[in-house]
Amino acid sequence: MTIRLMPEQERRIRAVLSRGAYESVDQVVVAALTAVEQRTVPGFAGTPEELDTLLAAGLASKELTEDEFWSSVGEQTDALLAEHETGPRS
């Protein structure tokens, strides 16, 4: 599959890379696709802001590998879904 980026999209990817959050364009694309998948999971009760907070917290943590980060995001998303299904925590 060939993807053509608009200049603004390319600039944004380069900006992400320059901040050191990712080491390659491939990593940026994988992270972006994962974020889209997380946002489009049927039944996700969290707000986009909650998901953004989870993603930002994971990215800011240099202690986790990328696999560990995405696993953590999945666990926290599952917890949000479970909370929505059973009501707020006490």
Protein backbone atom coordinates (compact mmCIF):
# COMPACT_ATOMS: atom_id res chain seq x y z
CA MET A 1 0.00 0.00 0.00
CA THR A 2 1.33 3.41 -0.91
CA ILE A 3 0.35 6.36 1.25
CA ARG A 4 0.82 9.92 0.10
CA LEU A 5 1.06 12.46 2.88
CA MET A 6 0.07 16.07 2.68
CA PRO A 7 2.91 18.45 3.63
CA GLU A 8 1.22 19.24 6.96
CA GLN A 9 0.94 15.54 7.82
CA GLU A 10 4.59 15.00 7.00
CA ARG A 11 5.54 18.01 9.15
CA ARG A 12 3.56 16.58 12.09
CA ILE A 13 5.27 13.19 11.78
CA ARG A 14 8.69 14.83 11.64
CA ALA A 15 7.79 16.88 14.74
CA VAL A 16 6.84 13.71 16.64
CA LEU A 17 10.12 12.09 15.60
CA SER A 18 12.15 15.16 16.59
CA ARG A 19 10.69 15.02 20.12
CA GLY A 20 12.12 11.53 20.45
CA ALA A 21 8.81 9.83 21.20
CA TYR A 22 9.43 7.35 18.38
CA GLU A 23 12.48 6.20 16.48
CA SER A 24 10.93 5.73 13.03
CA VAL A 25 8.03 6.68 10.82
CA ASP A 26 6.87 3.05 11.03
CA GLN A 27 6.59 3.35 14.82
CA VAL A 28 4.58 6.57 14.47
CA VAL A 29 2.20 4.91 12.01
CA VAL A 30 1.74 1.86 14.25
CA ALA A 31 0.99 4.10 17.24
CA ALA A 32 -1.45 6.20 15.22
CA LEU A 33 -3.28 3.12 13.94
CA THR A 34 -3.44 1.68 17.44
CA ALA A 35 -4.93 4.93 18.73
CA VAL A 36 -7.54 4.89 15.96
CA GLU A 37 -8.35 1.25 16.72
CA GLN A 38 -8.73 2.05 20.41
CA ARG A 39 -11.05 4.97 19.65
CA THR A 40 -13.22 2.88 17.37
CA VAL A 41 -13.62 -0.18 19.60
CA PRO A 42 -17.37 -0.79 19.94
CA GLY A 43 -18.48 -0.22 23.49
CA PHE A 44 -15.56 1.97 24.57
CA ALA A 45 -17.14 4.22 27.18
CA GLY A 46 -14.22 6.52 27.78
CA THR A 47 -13.99 9.95 26.25
CA PRO A 48 -11.39 10.82 23.63
CA GLU A 49 -9.78 13.02 26.31
CA GLU A 50 -9.47 10.03 28.68
CA LEU A 51 -7.84 7.98 25.95
CA ASP A 52 -5.52 10.86 25.05
CA THR A 53 -4.53 11.11 28.72
CA LEU A 54 -3.76 7.38 28.83
CA LEU A 55 -1.74 7.57 25.62
CA ALA A 56 0.19 10.65 26.74
CA ALA A 57 0.98 9.11 30.13
CA GLY A 58 2.36 6.01 28.49
CA LEU A 59 4.39 7.91 25.93
CA ALA A 60 5.86 10.15 28.63
CA SER A 61 7.07 7.11 30.55
CA LYS A 62 10.47 6.05 29.27
CA GLU A 63 10.36 3.09 31.65
CA LEU A 64 8.06 1.00 29.44
CA THR A 65 8.86 -0.64 26.15
CA GLU A 66 6.40 0.07 23.35
CA ASP A 67 4.82 -3.38 23.78
CA GLU A 68 4.47 -2.79 27.53
CA PHE A 69 2.94 0.63 26.88
CA TRP A 70 0.28 -0.67 24.51
CA SER A 71 -0.46 -3.55 26.85
CA SER A 72 -0.95 -1.03 29.66
CA VAL A 73 -3.24 1.07 27.47
CA GLY A 74 -5.28 -2.05 26.71
CA GLU A 75 -5.54 -2.94 30.39
CA GLN A 76 -6.60 0.57 31.36
CA THR A 77 -9.12 0.66 28.51
CA ASP A 78 -10.53 -2.67 29.65
CA ALA A 79 -10.83 -1.26 33.18
CA LEU A 80 -12.72 1.77 31.85
CA LEU A 81 -15.04 -0.52 29.90
CA ALA A 82 -15.64 -2.71 32.95
CA GLU A 83 -16.34 0.36 35.07
CA HIS A 84 -18.84 1.60 32.54
CA GLU A 85 -20.59 -1.76 32.49
CA THR A 86 -20.79 -2.06 36.29
CA GLY A 87 -21.06 1.59 37.31
CA PRO A 88 -18.56 3.95 38.93
CA ARG A 89 -16.02 2.68 41.44
CA SER A 90 -16.57 3.44 45.12
